[in-house]
N, C-alpha and C. Protein backbone atom coordinates (compact mmCIF):
# COMPACT_ATOMS: atom_id res chain seq x y z
N MET A 1 255.43 77.47 266.86
CA MET A 1 255.37 77.26 265.44
C MET A 1 256.35 78.14 264.75
N THR A 2 256.62 79.23 265.22
CA THR A 2 257.42 80.27 264.47
C THR A 2 258.92 79.82 264.34
N GLU A 3 259.47 79.25 265.39
CA GLU A 3 260.87 78.77 265.34
C GLU A 3 261.23 77.83 264.21
N HIS A 4 260.35 76.74 264.02
CA HIS A 4 260.59 75.80 263.02
C HIS A 4 260.29 76.36 261.71
N GLN A 5 259.37 77.20 261.54
CA GLN A 5 259.15 77.91 260.23
C GLN A 5 260.30 78.79 259.84
N ASP A 6 260.81 79.48 260.76
CA ASP A 6 262.04 80.29 260.43
C ASP A 6 263.20 79.43 259.92
N GLU A 7 263.33 78.30 260.58
CA GLU A 7 264.37 77.41 260.14
C GLU A 7 264.10 76.83 258.84
N THR A 8 262.92 76.46 258.55
CA THR A 8 262.48 75.91 257.30
C THR A 8 262.66 76.95 256.15
N ARG A 9 262.25 78.14 256.48
CA ARG A 9 262.34 79.22 255.36
C ARG A 9 263.80 79.50 255.10
N ALA A 10 264.67 79.53 256.03
CA ALA A 10 266.08 79.83 255.79
C ALA A 10 266.74 78.60 255.02
N ALA A 11 266.27 77.38 255.38
CA ALA A 11 266.88 76.17 254.67
C ALA A 11 266.45 76.14 253.21
N TYR A 12 265.20 76.52 252.88
CA TYR A 12 264.77 76.51 251.48
C TYR A 12 265.28 77.73 250.70
N ASP A 13 265.40 78.78 251.39
CA ASP A 13 266.07 80.00 250.76
C ASP A 13 267.44 79.63 250.31
N GLY A 14 268.17 78.76 250.95
CA GLY A 14 269.49 78.47 250.65
C GLY A 14 269.70 77.39 249.54
N VAL A 15 268.55 76.76 249.04
CA VAL A 15 268.78 75.74 248.04
C VAL A 15 267.79 75.98 246.85
N VAL A 16 267.39 77.27 246.66
CA VAL A 16 266.34 77.66 245.67
C VAL A 16 266.65 77.03 244.29
N GLU A 17 267.91 77.38 243.76
CA GLU A 17 268.18 76.93 242.38
C GLU A 17 268.40 75.43 242.27
N LEU A 18 269.04 74.84 243.18
CA LEU A 18 269.20 73.44 243.17
C LEU A 18 267.83 72.70 243.24
N TYR A 19 266.95 73.11 244.19
CA TYR A 19 265.66 72.45 244.32
C TYR A 19 264.84 72.70 243.06
N ALA A 20 264.87 73.90 242.45
CA ALA A 20 264.12 74.12 241.31
C ALA A 20 264.68 73.26 240.12
N SER A 21 265.94 73.06 239.99
CA SER A 21 266.52 72.28 238.94
C SER A 21 266.08 70.81 239.07
N LEU A 22 265.84 70.37 240.29
CA LEU A 22 265.48 68.95 240.53
C LEU A 22 264.11 68.65 240.23
N PHE A 23 263.17 69.68 240.37
CA PHE A 23 261.74 69.50 240.16
C PHE A 23 261.10 70.26 238.98
N ALA A 24 261.93 70.63 238.10
CA ALA A 24 261.44 71.42 236.91
C ALA A 24 260.67 70.59 235.95
N ASP A 25 260.77 69.29 236.06
CA ASP A 25 260.03 68.43 235.09
C ASP A 25 258.59 68.26 235.28
N ARG A 26 258.07 68.92 236.32
CA ARG A 26 256.54 68.88 236.52
C ARG A 26 256.11 67.42 236.69
N LEU A 27 256.93 66.62 237.38
CA LEU A 27 256.54 65.26 237.72
C LEU A 27 256.55 64.27 236.53
N GLU A 28 257.22 64.58 235.47
CA GLU A 28 257.28 63.56 234.37
C GLU A 28 257.93 62.23 234.91
N THR A 29 258.73 62.27 235.92
CA THR A 29 259.23 61.01 236.39
C THR A 29 258.55 60.42 237.63
N HIS A 30 257.34 61.04 237.99
CA HIS A 30 256.57 60.70 239.14
C HIS A 30 255.08 60.48 238.77
N PRO A 31 254.86 59.24 238.13
CA PRO A 31 253.57 59.09 237.49
C PRO A 31 252.38 59.14 238.50
N PHE A 32 252.64 58.54 239.68
CA PHE A 32 251.51 58.54 240.68
C PHE A 32 251.14 59.95 241.05
N SER A 33 252.15 60.67 241.46
CA SER A 33 251.84 62.02 241.87
C SER A 33 251.19 62.86 240.72
N ARG A 34 251.74 62.64 239.53
CA ARG A 34 251.19 63.37 238.30
C ARG A 34 249.67 63.05 238.09
N ASN A 35 249.40 61.76 238.23
CA ASN A 35 248.06 61.37 237.93
C ASN A 35 247.00 61.73 239.09
N MET A 36 247.56 61.71 240.35
CA MET A 36 246.71 62.19 241.38
C MET A 36 246.39 63.81 241.26
N ILE A 37 247.34 64.43 240.85
CA ILE A 37 247.14 65.88 240.65
C ILE A 37 246.27 66.16 239.48
N GLY A 38 246.35 65.34 238.44
CA GLY A 38 245.34 65.41 237.36
C GLY A 38 243.93 65.19 237.80
N THR A 39 243.72 64.11 238.60
CA THR A 39 242.38 63.73 239.16
C THR A 39 241.98 64.85 239.95
N PHE A 40 242.77 65.42 240.86
CA PHE A 40 242.40 66.58 241.73
C PHE A 40 241.98 67.73 240.87
N ALA A 41 242.65 68.10 239.84
CA ALA A 41 242.30 69.22 239.02
C ALA A 41 240.90 68.99 238.36
N GLU A 42 240.76 67.76 237.82
CA GLU A 42 239.40 67.41 237.20
C GLU A 42 238.21 67.55 238.17
N LEU A 43 238.50 67.05 239.39
CA LEU A 43 237.40 67.18 240.38
C LEU A 43 237.23 68.58 240.83
N VAL A 44 238.32 69.39 240.92
CA VAL A 44 237.98 70.84 241.28
C VAL A 44 237.31 71.57 240.18
N ARG A 45 237.62 71.29 238.90
CA ARG A 45 236.82 71.88 237.86
C ARG A 45 235.42 71.50 237.98
N GLY A 46 235.13 70.31 238.38
CA GLY A 46 233.80 69.83 238.52
C GLY A 46 232.91 70.54 239.61
N THR A 47 233.63 71.16 240.46
CA THR A 47 232.86 71.90 241.54
C THR A 47 232.31 73.22 241.03
N GLY A 48 232.77 73.58 239.86
CA GLY A 48 232.39 74.96 239.26
C GLY A 48 233.18 76.11 239.88
N ASN A 49 234.04 75.79 240.73
CA ASN A 49 234.94 76.90 241.36
C ASN A 49 236.38 76.47 241.03
N PRO A 50 236.96 76.94 239.96
CA PRO A 50 238.32 76.56 239.57
C PRO A 50 239.54 77.20 240.26
N ARG A 51 239.17 78.11 241.24
CA ARG A 51 240.16 78.75 241.99
C ARG A 51 240.94 77.79 242.90
N ALA A 52 242.19 77.73 242.86
CA ALA A 52 242.96 76.77 243.60
C ALA A 52 244.30 77.31 244.10
N ALA A 53 244.67 77.01 245.33
CA ALA A 53 245.92 77.38 245.91
C ALA A 53 246.95 76.21 245.96
N ASP A 54 248.16 76.47 245.47
CA ASP A 54 249.14 75.55 245.66
C ASP A 54 249.98 76.02 246.92
N VAL A 55 249.70 75.33 248.01
CA VAL A 55 250.22 75.79 249.34
C VAL A 55 251.56 75.16 249.59
N GLY A 56 252.63 76.01 249.70
CA GLY A 56 253.95 75.47 249.75
C GLY A 56 254.43 75.18 248.35
N CYS A 57 254.33 76.13 247.54
CA CYS A 57 254.41 75.98 246.01
C CYS A 57 255.91 75.79 245.65
N GLY A 58 256.92 76.18 246.54
CA GLY A 58 258.29 76.10 246.05
C GLY A 58 258.45 76.90 244.79
N PRO A 59 259.24 76.34 243.82
CA PRO A 59 259.55 77.15 242.60
C PRO A 59 258.42 77.22 241.64
N GLY A 60 257.23 76.76 241.95
CA GLY A 60 256.01 77.10 241.17
C GLY A 60 255.78 76.12 239.96
N HIS A 61 256.47 75.00 239.96
CA HIS A 61 256.20 74.06 238.86
C HIS A 61 254.83 73.36 238.85
N LEU A 62 254.35 73.12 240.11
CA LEU A 62 253.04 72.52 240.18
C LEU A 62 251.92 73.57 240.07
N THR A 63 252.13 74.81 240.48
CA THR A 63 251.17 75.90 240.20
C THR A 63 250.91 75.90 238.67
N ALA A 64 251.97 75.94 237.97
CA ALA A 64 251.95 76.00 236.44
C ALA A 64 251.15 74.75 235.96
N MET A 65 251.44 73.56 236.54
CA MET A 65 250.75 72.43 236.11
C MET A 65 249.26 72.57 236.33
N LEU A 66 248.84 73.01 237.52
CA LEU A 66 247.48 73.23 237.79
C LEU A 66 246.81 74.23 236.84
N HIS A 67 247.55 75.28 236.47
CA HIS A 67 247.00 76.19 235.52
C HIS A 67 246.84 75.55 234.13
N ASP A 68 247.82 74.75 233.72
CA ASP A 68 247.68 74.03 232.44
C ASP A 68 246.53 73.00 232.43
N LEU A 69 246.17 72.58 233.60
CA LEU A 69 245.07 71.63 233.75
C LEU A 69 243.71 72.35 233.95
N GLY A 70 243.74 73.64 233.80
CA GLY A 70 242.49 74.34 233.64
C GLY A 70 242.02 75.01 234.94
N LEU A 71 242.88 75.13 235.90
CA LEU A 71 242.54 75.80 237.10
C LEU A 71 243.02 77.16 237.27
N ASP A 72 242.29 77.97 237.98
CA ASP A 72 242.76 79.40 238.24
C ASP A 72 243.61 79.32 239.49
N ALA A 73 244.88 78.94 239.23
CA ALA A 73 245.86 78.55 240.34
C ALA A 73 246.86 79.63 240.71
N PHE A 74 247.12 79.76 241.97
CA PHE A 74 248.16 80.68 242.53
C PHE A 74 248.95 79.94 243.51
N GLY A 75 250.16 80.38 243.73
CA GLY A 75 251.10 79.77 244.61
C GLY A 75 251.41 80.52 245.90
N LEU A 76 251.56 79.79 247.03
CA LEU A 76 251.94 80.43 248.30
C LEU A 76 253.08 79.68 248.86
N ASP A 77 254.05 80.33 249.39
CA ASP A 77 255.24 79.76 250.00
C ASP A 77 255.82 80.55 251.06
N LEU A 78 256.38 79.87 252.13
CA LEU A 78 257.08 80.57 253.23
C LEU A 78 258.33 81.18 252.86
N SER A 79 258.99 80.65 251.79
CA SER A 79 260.37 81.01 251.40
C SER A 79 260.33 82.22 250.41
N PRO A 80 260.83 83.37 250.75
CA PRO A 80 260.90 84.40 249.76
C PRO A 80 261.71 84.14 248.45
N GLY A 81 262.72 83.31 248.75
CA GLY A 81 263.60 83.00 247.59
C GLY A 81 262.80 82.06 246.63
N MET A 82 262.01 81.10 247.10
CA MET A 82 261.18 80.30 246.25
C MET A 82 260.18 81.14 245.52
N VAL A 83 259.51 82.10 246.24
CA VAL A 83 258.53 82.92 245.55
C VAL A 83 259.13 83.74 244.53
N ALA A 84 260.32 84.29 244.73
CA ALA A 84 261.00 85.06 243.75
C ALA A 84 261.32 84.24 242.52
N HIS A 85 261.78 83.05 242.76
CA HIS A 85 262.07 82.13 241.59
C HIS A 85 260.75 81.83 240.81
N ALA A 86 259.71 81.47 241.57
CA ALA A 86 258.48 81.24 240.86
C ALA A 86 257.93 82.29 239.97
N ARG A 87 258.04 83.52 240.48
CA ARG A 87 257.58 84.69 239.74
C ARG A 87 258.45 84.85 238.51
N ARG A 88 259.71 84.58 238.58
CA ARG A 88 260.60 84.72 237.43
C ARG A 88 260.29 83.55 236.37
N ALA A 89 260.02 82.35 236.96
CA ALA A 89 259.83 81.21 235.98
C ALA A 89 258.49 81.19 235.39
N HIS A 90 257.47 81.86 236.10
CA HIS A 90 256.03 81.70 235.58
C HIS A 90 255.42 83.17 235.82
N PRO A 91 255.92 84.11 235.02
CA PRO A 91 255.52 85.46 235.17
C PRO A 91 253.99 85.74 235.03
N ALA A 92 253.30 84.88 234.36
CA ALA A 92 251.86 85.02 234.10
C ALA A 92 251.03 84.63 235.41
N LEU A 93 251.58 83.95 236.32
CA LEU A 93 250.87 83.41 237.47
C LEU A 93 251.23 84.25 238.71
N ARG A 94 250.26 84.09 239.66
CA ARG A 94 250.53 84.84 240.97
C ARG A 94 251.19 83.94 242.01
N PHE A 95 252.18 84.51 242.71
CA PHE A 95 252.91 83.94 243.75
C PHE A 95 253.08 84.87 244.93
N ASP A 96 252.75 84.48 246.16
CA ASP A 96 252.96 85.30 247.33
C ASP A 96 253.51 84.58 248.50
N GLU A 97 254.22 85.26 249.32
CA GLU A 97 254.76 84.71 250.57
C GLU A 97 253.60 84.53 251.49
N ALA A 98 253.67 83.41 252.29
CA ALA A 98 252.51 83.21 253.26
C ALA A 98 252.96 82.09 254.21
N ARG A 99 252.51 82.14 255.35
CA ARG A 99 252.59 81.07 256.34
C ARG A 99 251.33 80.19 256.26
N MET A 100 251.54 78.89 256.36
CA MET A 100 250.46 78.00 256.15
C MET A 100 249.35 78.04 257.22
N GLU A 101 249.68 78.53 258.30
CA GLU A 101 248.67 78.62 259.39
C GLU A 101 247.93 80.06 259.27
N ALA A 102 248.26 80.78 258.26
CA ALA A 102 247.58 82.10 258.16
C ALA A 102 247.59 82.49 256.63
N LEU A 103 246.80 81.65 255.86
CA LEU A 103 246.76 81.96 254.52
C LEU A 103 246.13 83.17 254.07
N PRO A 104 246.64 83.99 253.17
CA PRO A 104 246.05 85.31 252.77
C PRO A 104 244.96 85.05 251.75
N VAL A 105 243.85 84.32 252.27
CA VAL A 105 242.81 83.92 251.33
C VAL A 105 241.51 84.06 252.20
N GLU A 106 240.49 84.61 251.63
CA GLU A 106 239.22 84.77 252.38
C GLU A 106 238.57 83.38 252.66
N ASP A 107 237.63 83.46 253.62
CA ASP A 107 236.95 82.18 253.94
C ASP A 107 236.19 81.66 252.74
N SER A 108 236.11 80.30 252.70
CA SER A 108 235.25 79.68 251.66
C SER A 108 235.32 80.08 250.30
N ALA A 109 236.66 80.35 249.90
CA ALA A 109 236.88 81.01 248.58
C ALA A 109 237.29 80.09 247.50
N LEU A 110 237.89 78.94 247.90
CA LEU A 110 238.66 78.10 246.90
C LEU A 110 237.89 76.84 246.57
N GLY A 111 238.05 76.41 245.32
CA GLY A 111 237.55 75.05 244.91
C GLY A 111 238.49 74.03 245.29
N GLY A 112 239.81 74.31 245.50
CA GLY A 112 240.84 73.35 245.71
C GLY A 112 242.07 73.90 246.43
N VAL A 113 242.72 73.02 247.26
CA VAL A 113 244.04 73.35 247.88
C VAL A 113 244.93 72.10 247.52
N LEU A 114 246.05 72.40 247.03
CA LEU A 114 247.15 71.34 246.82
C LEU A 114 248.22 71.60 247.87
N ALA A 115 248.51 70.49 248.61
CA ALA A 115 249.52 70.64 249.53
C ALA A 115 250.42 69.39 249.26
N HIS A 116 251.45 69.62 248.33
CA HIS A 116 252.22 68.63 247.83
C HIS A 116 253.52 68.54 248.50
N TYR A 117 253.61 67.58 249.57
CA TYR A 117 254.78 67.43 250.52
C TYR A 117 255.08 68.78 251.15
N SER A 118 254.11 69.63 251.36
CA SER A 118 254.48 70.99 251.85
C SER A 118 254.22 71.08 253.31
N MET A 119 253.66 69.96 253.94
CA MET A 119 253.40 69.94 255.47
C MET A 119 254.40 68.94 256.09
N ILE A 120 255.35 68.39 255.34
CA ILE A 120 256.22 67.34 255.96
C ILE A 120 257.13 67.96 257.05
N HIS A 121 257.45 69.18 257.05
CA HIS A 121 258.34 69.76 258.02
C HIS A 121 257.66 70.21 259.33
N THR A 122 256.26 70.19 259.22
CA THR A 122 255.44 70.61 260.32
C THR A 122 255.50 69.64 261.50
N PRO A 123 255.90 70.05 262.77
CA PRO A 123 255.89 69.12 263.92
C PRO A 123 254.46 68.65 264.09
N PRO A 124 254.25 67.42 264.55
CA PRO A 124 252.85 66.90 264.71
C PRO A 124 251.92 67.65 265.48
N VAL A 125 252.38 68.36 266.50
CA VAL A 125 251.53 69.17 267.39
C VAL A 125 250.93 70.35 266.65
N ASP A 126 251.60 70.81 265.57
CA ASP A 126 251.20 71.95 264.81
C ASP A 126 250.30 71.64 263.61
N LEU A 127 250.26 70.37 263.14
CA LEU A 127 249.63 70.08 261.93
C LEU A 127 247.96 70.27 261.97
N PRO A 128 247.37 69.99 263.07
CA PRO A 128 245.90 70.32 263.05
C PRO A 128 245.60 71.75 262.68
N ALA A 129 246.39 72.76 263.12
CA ALA A 129 246.09 74.09 262.76
C ALA A 129 246.31 74.37 261.40
N LEU A 130 247.24 73.73 260.65
CA LEU A 130 247.39 73.93 259.28
C LEU A 130 246.27 73.37 258.49
N LEU A 131 245.79 72.07 258.87
CA LEU A 131 244.60 71.52 258.14
C LEU A 131 243.35 72.33 258.37
N ALA A 132 243.22 72.92 259.55
CA ALA A 132 242.06 73.71 259.83
C ALA A 132 242.01 74.97 258.96
N GLU A 133 243.24 75.50 258.75
CA GLU A 133 243.40 76.69 257.91
C GLU A 133 243.01 76.36 256.39
N GLN A 134 243.45 75.22 255.96
CA GLN A 134 243.13 74.85 254.61
C GLN A 134 241.62 74.59 254.46
N ALA A 135 240.98 74.02 255.44
CA ALA A 135 239.57 73.83 255.49
C ALA A 135 238.88 75.18 255.42
N ARG A 136 239.37 76.16 256.20
CA ARG A 136 238.73 77.47 256.21
C ARG A 136 238.66 78.08 254.90
N VAL A 137 239.66 77.96 254.03
CA VAL A 137 239.63 78.63 252.76
C VAL A 137 238.92 77.88 251.64
N LEU A 138 238.52 76.64 251.90
CA LEU A 138 237.76 75.93 250.97
C LEU A 138 236.21 76.18 250.96
N ALA A 139 235.70 76.37 249.78
CA ALA A 139 234.26 76.41 249.70
C ALA A 139 233.68 75.06 250.01
N PRO A 140 232.29 75.09 250.38
CA PRO A 140 231.68 73.71 250.63
C PRO A 140 231.83 72.80 249.42
N GLY A 141 232.26 71.57 249.66
CA GLY A 141 232.58 70.75 248.50
C GLY A 141 233.89 70.89 247.92
N GLY A 142 234.74 71.80 248.33
CA GLY A 142 236.00 72.05 247.87
C GLY A 142 236.96 70.88 248.25
N LEU A 143 238.04 70.72 247.53
CA LEU A 143 238.95 69.57 247.69
C LEU A 143 240.32 69.92 248.08
N LEU A 144 240.89 69.04 248.92
CA LEU A 144 242.26 69.10 249.30
C LEU A 144 242.99 67.81 248.86
N LEU A 145 244.13 68.00 248.20
CA LEU A 145 245.05 66.93 247.82
C LEU A 145 246.28 67.10 248.77
N ALA A 146 246.46 66.25 249.64
CA ALA A 146 247.67 66.29 250.53
C ALA A 146 248.59 65.12 250.23
N SER A 147 249.80 65.42 249.97
CA SER A 147 250.82 64.28 249.63
C SER A 147 251.90 64.45 250.74
N PHE A 148 252.36 63.27 251.18
CA PHE A 148 253.31 63.26 252.30
C PHE A 148 254.03 61.85 252.41
N PHE A 149 255.00 61.71 253.20
CA PHE A 149 255.63 60.46 253.42
C PHE A 149 254.91 59.68 254.49
N ALA A 150 254.77 58.43 254.16
CA ALA A 150 253.90 57.60 255.06
C ALA A 150 254.74 56.46 255.80
N THR A 151 254.35 56.24 256.97
CA THR A 151 255.03 55.11 257.76
C THR A 151 254.05 54.11 258.08
N ASP A 152 254.45 52.82 258.38
CA ASP A 152 253.63 51.78 258.76
C ASP A 152 253.37 51.75 260.26
N GLY A 153 254.21 52.51 261.04
CA GLY A 153 254.22 52.50 262.50
C GLY A 153 253.04 53.26 262.95
N PRO A 154 252.79 53.32 264.33
CA PRO A 154 251.65 53.91 264.94
C PRO A 154 251.76 55.40 265.20
N GLU A 155 252.99 55.88 265.07
CA GLU A 155 253.25 57.33 265.39
C GLU A 155 253.97 57.89 264.21
N PRO A 156 253.85 59.31 264.12
CA PRO A 156 254.79 60.03 263.12
C PRO A 156 256.20 59.88 263.53
N VAL A 157 257.04 59.75 262.46
CA VAL A 157 258.45 59.56 262.56
C VAL A 157 259.25 60.73 262.06
N ARG A 158 260.11 61.33 262.96
CA ARG A 158 260.86 62.41 262.49
C ARG A 158 262.17 61.83 261.75
N PHE A 159 262.57 62.45 260.68
CA PHE A 159 263.78 62.06 259.98
C PHE A 159 264.51 63.21 259.39
N ASP A 160 265.72 62.98 259.04
CA ASP A 160 266.64 63.99 258.46
C ASP A 160 266.46 64.09 257.03
N HIS A 161 265.57 65.01 256.62
CA HIS A 161 265.25 65.40 255.27
C HIS A 161 266.53 66.14 254.67
N LYS A 162 266.71 66.08 253.38
CA LYS A 162 267.90 66.69 252.77
C LYS A 162 267.98 68.20 253.04
N VAL A 163 266.86 68.86 253.22
CA VAL A 163 266.80 70.31 253.38
C VAL A 163 266.71 70.61 254.86
N THR A 164 265.71 70.16 255.58
CA THR A 164 265.52 70.36 257.00
C THR A 164 264.65 69.27 257.56
N PRO A 165 264.68 68.95 258.89
CA PRO A 165 264.04 67.81 259.38
C PRO A 165 262.56 67.75 259.00
N ALA A 166 262.04 66.46 258.81
CA ALA A 166 260.68 66.31 258.41
C ALA A 166 260.10 65.19 259.16
N TYR A 167 258.80 64.91 258.90
CA TYR A 167 258.10 63.88 259.50
C TYR A 167 257.30 62.89 258.41
N SER A 168 257.30 61.62 258.80
CA SER A 168 256.41 60.75 258.03
C SER A 168 255.26 60.41 258.88
N TRP A 169 254.11 60.14 258.31
CA TRP A 169 252.84 59.95 259.01
C TRP A 169 252.24 58.56 258.81
N PRO A 170 251.64 57.90 259.80
CA PRO A 170 250.75 56.87 259.53
C PRO A 170 249.46 57.43 258.85
N VAL A 171 249.04 56.79 257.82
CA VAL A 171 248.02 57.38 256.93
C VAL A 171 246.73 57.53 257.71
N ASP A 172 246.40 56.50 258.59
CA ASP A 172 245.11 56.63 259.33
C ASP A 172 245.11 57.79 260.36
N ARG A 173 246.30 57.99 260.92
CA ARG A 173 246.44 59.12 261.78
C ARG A 173 246.19 60.47 261.07
N PHE A 174 246.85 60.54 259.90
CA PHE A 174 246.65 61.78 259.14
C PHE A 174 245.13 61.97 258.75
N VAL A 175 244.49 60.87 258.32
CA VAL A 175 243.17 61.01 257.94
C VAL A 175 242.29 61.49 259.17
N GLU A 176 242.61 60.92 260.39
CA GLU A 176 241.90 61.44 261.59
C GLU A 176 242.02 62.92 261.77
N LEU A 177 243.22 63.43 261.48
CA LEU A 177 243.34 64.80 261.59
C LEU A 177 242.55 65.59 260.55
N LEU A 178 242.50 65.06 259.30
CA LEU A 178 241.64 65.73 258.30
C LEU A 178 240.12 65.61 258.76
N THR A 179 239.69 64.53 259.26
CA THR A 179 238.40 64.51 259.79
C THR A 179 238.07 65.54 260.90
N GLY A 180 239.07 65.66 261.77
CA GLY A 180 238.98 66.74 262.81
C GLY A 180 238.89 68.20 262.23
N ALA A 181 239.32 68.35 261.00
CA ALA A 181 239.29 69.62 260.43
C ALA A 181 238.07 69.87 259.66
N GLY A 182 237.17 68.89 259.61
CA GLY A 182 235.88 68.94 258.83
C GLY A 182 236.06 68.41 257.39
N LEU A 183 237.11 67.62 257.08
CA LEU A 183 237.31 67.24 255.74
C LEU A 183 236.97 65.69 255.67
N VAL A 184 236.37 65.23 254.60
CA VAL A 184 235.95 63.84 254.46
C VAL A 184 236.88 63.21 253.38
N THR A 185 237.71 62.24 253.81
CA THR A 185 238.70 61.60 252.86
C THR A 185 237.86 60.64 252.03
N PHE A 186 238.12 60.61 250.73
CA PHE A 186 237.44 59.69 249.88
C PHE A 186 238.27 58.96 248.94
N ALA A 187 239.67 59.23 248.89
CA ALA A 187 240.59 58.43 248.08
C ALA A 187 242.01 58.53 248.68
N ARG A 188 242.65 57.43 248.62
CA ARG A 188 244.06 57.27 249.15
C ARG A 188 244.93 56.51 248.08
N LEU A 189 246.09 56.97 247.91
CA LEU A 189 247.05 56.19 247.11
C LEU A 189 248.34 56.07 247.86
N LEU A 190 248.80 54.88 248.07
CA LEU A 190 250.07 54.55 248.63
C LEU A 190 250.93 53.82 247.63
N HIS A 191 252.19 54.17 247.58
CA HIS A 191 253.01 53.47 246.67
C HIS A 191 254.45 53.48 247.15
N ASP A 192 255.28 52.64 246.55
CA ASP A 192 256.71 52.45 247.03
C ASP A 192 257.36 53.84 246.81
N PRO A 193 258.42 54.05 247.54
CA PRO A 193 259.06 55.36 247.58
C PRO A 193 259.82 55.69 246.23
N ALA A 194 259.76 56.98 245.88
CA ALA A 194 260.46 57.43 244.69
C ALA A 194 261.88 57.77 245.00
N SER A 195 262.24 57.69 246.19
CA SER A 195 263.66 58.03 246.71
C SER A 195 264.13 57.02 247.60
N GLU A 196 265.29 57.24 248.08
CA GLU A 196 266.03 56.21 248.95
C GLU A 196 265.64 56.35 250.39
N ARG A 197 264.75 57.25 250.73
CA ARG A 197 264.33 57.39 252.10
C ARG A 197 263.69 56.22 252.74
N GLY A 198 262.98 55.42 251.90
CA GLY A 198 262.39 54.13 252.32
C GLY A 198 260.95 54.24 252.87
N PHE A 199 260.46 55.52 253.18
CA PHE A 199 259.05 55.69 253.44
C PHE A 199 258.14 55.55 252.20
N LEU A 200 257.00 55.10 252.39
CA LEU A 200 255.93 55.08 251.37
C LEU A 200 255.64 56.49 251.04
N ASP A 201 255.11 56.76 249.79
CA ASP A 201 254.55 57.95 249.41
C ASP A 201 253.05 57.89 249.44
N ALA A 202 252.47 58.90 250.05
CA ALA A 202 250.97 58.90 250.32
C ALA A 202 250.35 60.03 249.70
N HIS A 203 249.14 59.93 249.05
CA HIS A 203 248.48 60.97 248.51
C HIS A 203 246.97 60.80 248.95
N VAL A 204 246.42 61.82 249.60
CA VAL A 204 245.05 61.66 250.09
C VAL A 204 244.21 62.78 249.63
N LEU A 205 243.04 62.43 249.08
CA LEU A 205 242.09 63.40 248.59
C LEU A 205 240.90 63.50 249.54
N ALA A 206 240.61 64.66 249.87
CA ALA A 206 239.49 64.86 250.87
C ALA A 206 238.69 66.05 250.42
N ARG A 207 237.40 66.03 250.91
CA ARG A 207 236.46 67.06 250.42
C ARG A 207 235.89 67.71 251.69
N LEU A 208 235.69 69.03 251.57
CA LEU A 208 235.03 69.77 252.69
C LEU A 208 233.58 69.37 252.76
N GLY A 209 233.14 68.87 253.91
CA GLY A 209 231.76 68.41 254.04
C GLY A 209 230.72 69.54 254.13
C-alpha cells in the first residue's frame, strides 16, 4: 500500500494550487454531490454526534462546507501540500496529515466520515482495509458518505486520472465491501458524469450497524 500512496502524495503535492482553484466553488456546479453532502450532514446532526472527518480533504473546501452545515468537521489528507493549503484557506478549522488506513482518530468517536472521491486511487486489493478503518472510527449509528466513479462492468476498472491512476467501481461490488466492513448501505445515487471521463458518478450512504 505504501508505494501507491507515496506516488499519490507526490502527484497531489505537485498540483495543489491548480486543484484548489478548480474546486474552490464548494460544489456550486455539482448539484448531486452538493445535495448528497447536505443530506449526509443533516443525518449526522441527527445522530447527536456532530463530529465528522473529511477523509482525503484536499484543499479543505468540503471540510468548510461541512462546518457551515453545522458539523464539528476536520480534514485529513495524505498530501502535506494540500494540508498546508487547507490550513491557510480555512484557518479556523483543523487539518492534519494522515494515511487513510491509519486515521489519527480514536475508536467509535465520529458521527460521520466523508470520503468524497478520496478512495479512487486505492488499488482494489487495499480498499477493504480503508473501509474497515472508516468503520472503526464511527460511533454506532454513525454515517459514511462515499463518492466514487462507477462502472457498469463486473470488475473495477483502472484508468488514467489527470493526477494519478485511479479506479472506477461496480456499485454492487463497492456495497459488498461496505457490508464486509460492518456498514449498512441505505441510499445510493448514480448520475451521468460531470466530466469527460465517461464513468457514472456514484454516492453511497451507509450506516455503522
